[in-house]
Amino acid sequence: MKEELKFYLLAEEGGWDCSQYAFQYKNTLFQSDAYKVLQVNVLQAKNHLSKKAMDIVKGYESLSQEPQTLRDVFIEETTLNYLALHSFPEYYLNPLAINPNYSGELTTLGELIYTIQGKDMSINEIIADETIPLENKKREIKEQCDGYLRDMNQLVYRSLNIIQKRAFSKDDSKKSGVIAILDAIIFVVLNFILAFLFLYPFFPFRNVIYHPDPSKAMTYLCYLEPIIIFLYDLFFILFHGYRCNISEPYNYARRFLKKNTKRVFQDLEKGRDDLYNYLCGAINNRILLKGDIKDFSKLSSSYVDFDKVVNVSELKNRKMYRVLHSLSVITLTLACLISLVTLMVYLVGLLYQTAI
């Protein structure tokens, strides 16, 4: 904050109305380099599930674009500078929660930033620094590893809350079950109608199949009905098959976590211990780390794929899902309409024993 604004901030605390200065300064605040850095970095932070990454995103989204007072401006500027500094991956990455497909700028755990003796230092810098007592290094490493474990445990609890509902369902209410049952019933009914039309011994209908009469509606419907039903069946099967395939990791995690949560927590503790021993070994032998950024990740290599669980809501956004869902809905609508018209024409013809 500029020096003259500090005077107005003090005056504001004394009761002066300095809102005009707050309004004037907001453009400077949200056009600053810190804000531009945060805007870019937060896009990458959204792809990570660590608590620190999520805090960066939440902090960015909570920044007020309309500070009313200089006190608001001071708080916003302080928050903005803190978020911008800590929005780089070396500050928020959790080695236990790194996506196995991660291909960012960090390549080693040695680049992660820890705070030791009041200074921010990378792990490799801590390893190489001979002025820091070995006990202090290991104590800081242990605290960080414990923090990583707490972070992962929270991810498990978050996953447990998510799996209370099925994939693609907003809730586990009776409404979702009724819709699923209704969907299956419609599929059976439409195919039953098709089978009835062609298997029931109604000669006038059979006759227009083999001897088309352009003046009869049955001539068109007897060909249109099976074509539409075939397309509906095809896209119904493709859509639900694809849906089951992409949601299987989530559904497996749902089944597993309901009965084996304890094993997951135990596996995460083992991962924490392995990470701690690895870092302590590097410290004891003064070996700088490299190429190991994903070696201790438990995000997808534990008993369940937490990434799939937490991001299950994104399954509906996949292009193939949206395309197949649209085609399924369109053909269902057409199939219902054509089947209804065909059945009505068929029943009227059956009543008068003539082709309509």
Protein backbone atom coordinates (compact mmCIF):
# COMPACT_ATOMS: atom_id res chain seq x y z
CA MET A 1 0.00 0.00 0.00
CA LYS A 2 1.25 3.45 -0.87
CA GLU A 3 2.54 5.57 1.99
CA GLU A 4 -0.10 8.29 1.62
CA LEU A 5 -2.84 5.66 1.79
CA LYS A 6 -1.49 4.48 5.13
CA PHE A 7 -2.23 7.98 6.46
CA TYR A 8 -5.78 7.79 5.14
CA LEU A 9 -6.12 4.29 6.59
CA LEU A 10 -5.20 5.70 10.00
CA ALA A 11 -7.63 8.57 9.46
CA GLU A 12 -10.35 6.09 8.50
CA GLU A 13 -9.79 4.21 11.73
CA GLY A 14 -10.40 7.53 13.46
CA GLY A 15 -13.78 7.90 11.79
CA TRP A 16 -13.08 9.67 8.48
CA ASP A 17 -14.85 8.55 5.32
CA CYS A 18 -12.05 7.52 2.97
CA SER A 19 -14.09 5.25 0.70
CA GLN A 20 -13.15 7.30 -2.38
CA TYR A 21 -9.50 6.35 -1.89
CA ALA A 22 -10.47 2.71 -1.53
CA PHE A 23 -12.43 2.92 -4.78
CA GLN A 24 -9.51 4.57 -6.58
CA TYR A 25 -6.99 2.03 -5.33
CA LYS A 26 -9.00 -1.10 -6.22
CA ASN A 27 -8.06 -0.84 -9.91
CA THR A 28 -4.38 -0.68 -8.98
CA LEU A 29 -4.86 -3.68 -6.70
CA PHE A 30 -6.57 -5.89 -9.27
CA GLN A 31 -4.26 -4.90 -12.09
CA SER A 32 -1.10 -5.59 -10.11
CA ASP A 33 1.50 -8.19 -11.05
CA ALA A 34 0.58 -10.21 -7.97
CA TYR A 35 -3.02 -10.54 -9.14
CA LYS A 36 -1.95 -11.50 -12.67
CA VAL A 37 0.39 -14.17 -11.27
CA LEU A 38 -2.39 -15.52 -9.06
CA GLN A 39 -4.86 -15.60 -11.96
CA VAL A 40 -2.51 -17.81 -13.96
CA ASN A 41 -1.36 -20.05 -11.11
CA VAL A 42 -4.83 -20.73 -9.77
CA LEU A 43 -5.72 -22.50 -13.02
CA GLN A 44 -3.11 -25.14 -12.24
CA ALA A 45 -4.00 -25.27 -8.55
CA LYS A 46 -7.56 -26.29 -9.47
CA ASN A 47 -6.18 -29.54 -10.85
CA HIS A 48 -4.79 -30.66 -7.48
CA LEU A 49 -6.66 -32.11 -4.51
CA SER A 50 -4.31 -31.08 -1.70
CA LYS A 51 -5.85 -28.85 0.97
CA LYS A 52 -3.31 -26.10 0.33
CA ALA A 53 -4.18 -26.05 -3.37
CA MET A 54 -7.89 -25.88 -2.59
CA ASP A 55 -7.24 -23.08 -0.07
CA ILE A 56 -5.45 -21.10 -2.77
CA VAL A 57 -8.41 -21.51 -5.11
CA LYS A 58 -10.94 -20.61 -2.40
CA GLY A 59 -8.86 -17.60 -1.38
CA TYR A 60 -8.72 -16.38 -4.98
CA GLU A 61 -12.46 -16.82 -5.48
CA SER A 62 -13.23 -14.98 -2.24
CA LEU A 63 -11.25 -11.87 -3.17
CA SER A 64 -13.63 -8.92 -3.20
CA GLN A 65 -13.60 -6.87 -6.38
CA GLU A 66 -15.43 -4.04 -4.60
CA PRO A 67 -13.59 -3.08 -1.37
CA GLN A 68 -15.61 -0.43 0.42
CA THR A 69 -13.01 0.89 2.84
CA LEU A 70 -9.24 1.28 3.02
CA ARG A 71 -9.27 -1.38 5.71
CA ASP A 72 -10.83 -3.73 3.15
CA VAL A 73 -8.17 -2.72 0.64
CA PHE A 74 -5.37 -3.40 3.13
CA ILE A 75 -6.77 -6.85 3.95
CA GLU A 76 -7.31 -7.65 0.27
CA GLU A 77 -3.80 -6.56 -0.70
CA THR A 78 -2.20 -8.58 2.11
CA THR A 79 -4.29 -11.64 1.20
CA LEU A 80 -3.55 -11.19 -2.49
CA ASN A 81 0.22 -11.00 -1.96
CA TYR A 82 0.16 -14.09 0.28
CA LEU A 83 -1.91 -16.08 -2.21
CA ALA A 84 0.27 -15.03 -5.14
CA LEU A 85 3.45 -16.10 -3.34
CA HIS A 86 2.02 -19.47 -2.28
CA SER A 87 0.20 -20.22 -5.53
CA PHE A 88 3.24 -21.94 -7.03
CA PRO A 89 3.17 -25.77 -6.96
CA GLU A 90 6.25 -26.08 -4.75
CA TYR A 91 4.22 -24.53 -1.92
CA TYR A 92 1.02 -26.59 -2.14
CA LEU A 93 1.82 -29.98 -3.69
CA ASN A 94 1.27 -32.97 -1.42
CA PRO A 95 3.58 -35.87 -2.42
CA LEU A 96 0.90 -38.33 -1.30
CA ALA A 97 -1.77 -36.67 -3.46
CA ILE A 98 -0.01 -35.95 -6.76
CA ASN A 99 -1.93 -37.01 -9.84
CA PRO A 100 -0.10 -39.89 -11.58
CA ASN A 101 -0.53 -37.98 -14.85
CA TYR A 102 1.11 -34.86 -13.43
CA SER A 103 3.55 -33.32 -15.90
CA GLY A 104 4.15 -29.88 -14.41
CA GLU A 105 7.30 -27.88 -13.89
CA LEU A 106 8.30 -29.72 -10.70
CA THR A 107 10.20 -32.97 -11.25
CA THR A 108 11.44 -33.78 -7.77
CA LEU A 109 10.33 -33.68 -4.16
CA GLY A 110 13.53 -31.72 -3.53
CA GLU A 111 11.86 -28.62 -4.99
CA LEU A 112 9.01 -28.57 -2.45
CA ILE A 113 9.19 -25.61 -0.08
CA TYR A 114 9.31 -26.10 3.70
CA THR A 115 9.58 -23.46 6.42
CA ILE A 116 12.49 -24.18 8.73
CA GLN A 117 13.98 -21.83 11.32
CA GLY A 118 11.75 -19.05 9.98
CA LYS A 119 12.94 -19.37 6.37
CA ASP A 120 11.30 -20.85 3.27
CA MET A 121 13.67 -23.42 1.80
CA SER A 122 13.35 -26.26 -0.69
CA ILE A 123 14.07 -29.77 0.56
CA ASN A 124 17.25 -29.90 -1.51
CA GLU A 125 18.38 -26.63 0.07
CA ILE A 126 17.66 -28.07 3.51
CA ILE A 127 19.66 -31.19 2.66
CA ALA A 128 22.63 -29.14 1.46
CA ASP A 129 22.58 -26.62 4.33
CA GLU A 130 25.18 -27.67 6.90
CA THR A 131 24.26 -24.93 9.38
CA ILE A 132 20.90 -26.47 10.25
CA PRO A 133 21.12 -29.20 12.92
CA LEU A 134 20.15 -32.66 11.72
CA GLU A 135 17.50 -32.97 14.42
CA ASN A 136 15.82 -29.76 13.24
CA LYS A 137 15.75 -31.00 9.68
CA LYS A 138 14.15 -34.31 10.65
CA ARG A 139 11.66 -32.62 12.95
CA GLU A 140 10.51 -30.33 10.17
CA ILE A 141 10.33 -33.25 7.73
CA LYS A 142 8.21 -35.23 10.20
CA GLU A 143 5.82 -32.33 10.75
CA GLN A 144 5.40 -31.91 7.02
CA CYS A 145 4.84 -35.64 6.45
CA ASP A 146 2.26 -35.69 9.24
CA GLY A 147 0.56 -32.75 7.52
CA TYR A 148 0.52 -34.66 4.24
CA LEU A 149 -1.12 -37.60 5.99
CA ARG A 150 -3.78 -35.38 7.60
CA ASP A 151 -4.44 -33.91 4.18
CA MET A 152 -4.95 -37.37 2.66
CA ASN A 153 -7.14 -38.47 5.57
CA GLN A 154 -9.39 -35.49 4.89
CA LEU A 155 -9.54 -36.58 1.26
CA VAL A 156 -10.73 -40.02 2.40
CA TYR A 157 -13.45 -38.46 4.57
CA ARG A 158 -14.44 -36.28 1.63
CA SER A 159 -14.62 -39.38 -0.55
CA LEU A 160 -16.76 -41.16 2.04
CA ASN A 161 -19.25 -38.29 1.88
CA ILE A 162 -19.30 -38.39 -1.91
CA ILE A 163 -19.86 -42.14 -2.21
CA GLN A 164 -23.10 -41.90 -0.28
CA LYS A 165 -24.67 -41.20 -3.65
CA ARG A 166 -24.28 -43.12 -6.88
CA ALA A 167 -22.40 -41.84 -9.89
CA PHE A 168 -24.45 -39.48 -12.08
CA SER A 169 -27.09 -39.11 -9.32
CA LYS A 170 -27.61 -35.88 -7.43
CA ASP A 171 -28.72 -37.88 -4.41
CA ASP A 172 -29.64 -41.36 -3.30
CA SER A 173 -33.33 -40.60 -3.02
CA LYS A 174 -36.23 -42.73 -4.23
CA LYS A 175 -36.58 -40.37 -7.18
CA SER A 176 -33.27 -41.55 -8.68
CA GLY A 177 -34.29 -45.19 -8.28
CA VAL A 178 -37.71 -44.55 -9.84
CA ILE A 179 -36.11 -42.86 -12.85
CA ALA A 180 -33.74 -45.79 -13.37
CA ILE A 181 -36.60 -48.30 -13.14
CA LEU A 182 -38.77 -46.21 -15.47
CA ASP A 183 -35.94 -46.06 -18.00
CA ALA A 184 -35.69 -49.86 -18.03
CA ILE A 185 -39.48 -50.28 -18.24
CA ILE A 186 -39.70 -47.94 -21.25
CA PHE A 187 -36.95 -49.93 -22.99
CA VAL A 188 -38.83 -53.21 -22.42
CA VAL A 189 -42.23 -51.76 -23.40
CA LEU A 190 -41.01 -50.24 -26.67
CA ASN A 191 -39.35 -53.48 -27.72
CA PHE A 192 -42.44 -55.46 -26.66
CA ILE A 193 -44.64 -53.23 -28.85
CA LEU A 194 -42.32 -53.87 -31.80
CA ALA A 195 -42.43 -57.62 -31.20
CA PHE A 196 -46.23 -57.55 -30.84
CA LEU A 197 -46.71 -55.65 -34.11
CA PHE A 198 -44.72 -58.16 -36.14
CA LEU A 199 -45.58 -61.39 -34.33
CA TYR A 200 -49.33 -61.02 -33.83
CA PRO A 201 -51.14 -62.68 -36.78
CA PHE A 202 -52.77 -59.66 -38.43
CA PHE A 203 -52.86 -60.32 -42.18
CA PRO A 204 -53.55 -56.75 -43.49
CA PHE A 205 -50.44 -55.50 -41.64
CA ARG A 206 -48.33 -58.38 -43.01
CA ASN A 207 -49.65 -57.65 -46.48
CA VAL A 208 -48.44 -54.00 -46.58
CA ILE A 209 -44.98 -55.24 -45.58
CA TYR A 210 -44.70 -57.45 -48.65
CA HIS A 211 -46.96 -55.38 -50.91
CA PRO A 212 -46.46 -51.71 -49.97
CA ASP A 213 -49.43 -49.42 -50.63
CA PRO A 214 -48.42 -45.72 -50.67
CA SER A 215 -51.97 -44.75 -49.72
CA LYS A 216 -51.80 -46.63 -46.42
CA ALA A 217 -50.16 -45.20 -43.29
CA MET A 218 -49.21 -48.72 -42.24
CA THR A 219 -46.90 -48.97 -45.25
CA TYR A 220 -44.66 -46.25 -43.85
CA LEU A 221 -45.02 -47.15 -40.19
CA CYS A 222 -44.19 -50.83 -40.65
CA TYR A 223 -40.73 -49.80 -41.90
CA LEU A 224 -40.22 -46.70 -39.80
CA GLU A 225 -41.06 -48.39 -36.48
CA PRO A 226 -38.31 -51.09 -36.54
CA ILE A 227 -35.71 -48.63 -37.85
CA ILE A 228 -36.38 -46.15 -35.03
CA ILE A 229 -36.51 -48.88 -32.38
CA PHE A 230 -33.23 -50.32 -33.70
CA LEU A 231 -31.55 -46.90 -33.43
CA TYR A 232 -33.02 -46.40 -29.95
CA ASP A 233 -31.78 -49.82 -28.78
CA LEU A 234 -28.35 -49.15 -30.26
CA PHE A 235 -27.82 -45.79 -28.56
CA PHE A 236 -29.47 -47.00 -25.34
CA ILE A 237 -26.96 -49.85 -25.10
CA LEU A 238 -23.99 -47.70 -26.18
CA PHE A 239 -24.86 -44.93 -23.71
CA HIS A 240 -25.45 -47.16 -20.70
CA GLY A 241 -22.45 -49.33 -21.56
CA TYR A 242 -20.18 -46.28 -21.77
CA ARG A 243 -21.71 -44.87 -18.60
CA CYS A 244 -21.01 -48.06 -16.68
CA ASN A 245 -17.47 -48.20 -18.04
CA ILE A 246 -16.40 -44.69 -17.04
CA SER A 247 -18.10 -44.89 -13.64
CA GLU A 248 -16.67 -48.30 -12.68
CA PRO A 249 -13.62 -46.89 -10.79
CA TYR A 250 -16.01 -44.76 -8.75
CA ASN A 251 -18.46 -47.59 -8.16
CA TYR A 252 -15.59 -49.89 -7.13
CA ALA A 253 -14.35 -47.26 -4.67
CA ARG A 254 -17.90 -46.91 -3.40
CA ARG A 255 -18.14 -50.63 -2.69
CA PHE A 256 -14.63 -50.87 -1.24
CA LEU A 257 -14.76 -47.88 1.08
CA LYS A 258 -18.02 -48.98 2.64
CA LYS A 259 -16.34 -52.01 4.24
CA ASN A 260 -12.57 -51.43 4.06
CA THR A 261 -11.98 -47.85 5.17
CA LYS A 262 -9.52 -48.96 7.86
CA ARG A 263 -7.25 -50.60 5.26
CA VAL A 264 -7.15 -47.35 3.29
CA PHE A 265 -6.05 -45.33 6.34
CA GLN A 266 -3.40 -47.94 7.15
CA ASP A 267 -2.07 -47.78 3.59
CA LEU A 268 -1.85 -43.99 3.79
CA GLU A 269 0.07 -44.20 7.06
CA LYS A 270 2.51 -46.58 5.42
CA GLY A 271 2.90 -44.12 2.56
CA ARG A 272 3.65 -41.34 5.06
CA ASP A 273 6.26 -43.50 6.79
CA ASP A 274 7.90 -44.47 3.48
CA LEU A 275 8.10 -40.82 2.46
CA TYR A 276 9.56 -39.78 5.81
CA ASN A 277 12.19 -42.53 5.71
CA TYR A 278 13.09 -41.60 2.14
CA LEU A 279 13.58 -37.92 2.97
CA CYS A 280 15.51 -38.71 6.16
CA GLY A 281 17.76 -41.05 4.19
CA ALA A 282 18.52 -38.24 1.76
CA ILE A 283 19.26 -35.89 4.65
CA ASN A 284 21.54 -38.38 6.43
CA ASN A 285 23.51 -39.07 3.26
CA ARG A 286 23.26 -35.52 1.85
CA ILE A 287 21.83 -36.79 -1.43
CA LEU A 288 20.00 -34.18 -3.47
CA LEU A 289 16.66 -35.45 -4.76
CA LYS A 290 15.64 -35.64 -8.40
CA GLY A 291 13.05 -37.31 -10.63
CA ASP A 292 10.86 -38.55 -7.78
CA ILE A 293 7.90 -36.18 -7.74
CA LYS A 294 5.27 -38.95 -8.22
CA ASP A 295 7.02 -41.83 -6.45
CA PHE A 296 4.97 -41.64 -3.22
CA SER A 297 1.57 -40.65 -4.57
CA LYS A 298 -1.38 -42.53 -3.11
CA LEU A 299 -3.99 -40.63 -5.08
CA SER A 300 -4.64 -43.44 -7.54
CA SER A 301 -2.25 -46.18 -6.44
CA SER A 302 -3.89 -46.99 -3.11
CA TYR A 303 -6.86 -49.34 -2.81
CA VAL A 304 -9.13 -46.81 -4.53
CA ASP A 305 -8.68 -44.04 -7.07
CA PHE A 306 -9.47 -40.91 -5.05
CA ASP A 307 -9.15 -38.73 -8.11
CA LYS A 308 -12.00 -40.62 -9.79
CA VAL A 309 -14.14 -40.41 -6.66
CA VAL A 310 -13.71 -36.70 -6.00
CA ASN A 311 -14.12 -35.75 -9.66
CA VAL A 312 -17.06 -38.06 -10.37
CA SER A 313 -19.27 -35.05 -11.14
CA GLU A 314 -17.06 -34.29 -14.15
CA LEU A 315 -18.00 -37.57 -15.85
CA LYS A 316 -21.09 -35.91 -17.28
CA ASN A 317 -18.93 -33.26 -18.92
CA ARG A 318 -17.07 -35.73 -21.12
CA LYS A 319 -17.77 -35.14 -24.80
CA MET A 320 -18.57 -38.80 -25.55
CA TYR A 321 -20.98 -38.96 -22.60
CA ARG A 322 -22.82 -35.84 -23.74
CA VAL A 323 -23.03 -37.04 -27.36
CA LEU A 324 -24.32 -40.51 -26.47
CA HIS A 325 -26.73 -39.10 -23.91
CA SER A 326 -28.16 -36.67 -26.47
CA LEU A 327 -28.54 -39.40 -29.09
CA SER A 328 -30.18 -41.68 -26.53
CA VAL A 329 -32.70 -39.01 -25.53
CA ILE A 330 -33.47 -38.06 -29.14
CA THR A 331 -34.03 -41.65 -30.28
CA LEU A 332 -36.08 -42.37 -27.13
CA THR A 333 -38.37 -39.44 -27.93
CA LEU A 334 -38.76 -40.53 -31.54
CA ALA A 335 -39.27 -44.17 -30.53
CA CYS A 336 -42.03 -43.28 -28.07
CA LEU A 337 -43.78 -41.05 -30.60
CA ILE A 338 -43.55 -43.47 -33.53
CA SER A 339 -44.48 -46.48 -31.37
CA LEU A 340 -47.56 -44.68 -30.04
CA VAL A 341 -48.72 -43.67 -33.53
CA THR A 342 -47.98 -47.09 -34.99
CA LEU A 343 -49.80 -48.88 -32.17
CA MET A 344 -52.87 -46.66 -32.55
CA VAL A 345 -53.00 -47.21 -36.32
CA TYR A 346 -52.41 -50.92 -35.82
CA LEU A 347 -55.22 -51.27 -33.23
CA VAL A 348 -57.67 -49.31 -35.38
CA GLY A 349 -56.80 -51.55 -38.35
CA LEU A 350 -57.13 -54.60 -36.14
CA LEU A 351 -60.55 -53.44 -35.00
CA TYR A 352 -61.82 -53.05 -38.58
CA GLN A 353 -59.64 -55.87 -39.95
CA THR A 354 -58.20 -53.67 -42.67
CA ALA A 355 -54.97 -51.81 -43.42
CA ILE A 356 -55.14 -48.15 -42.45
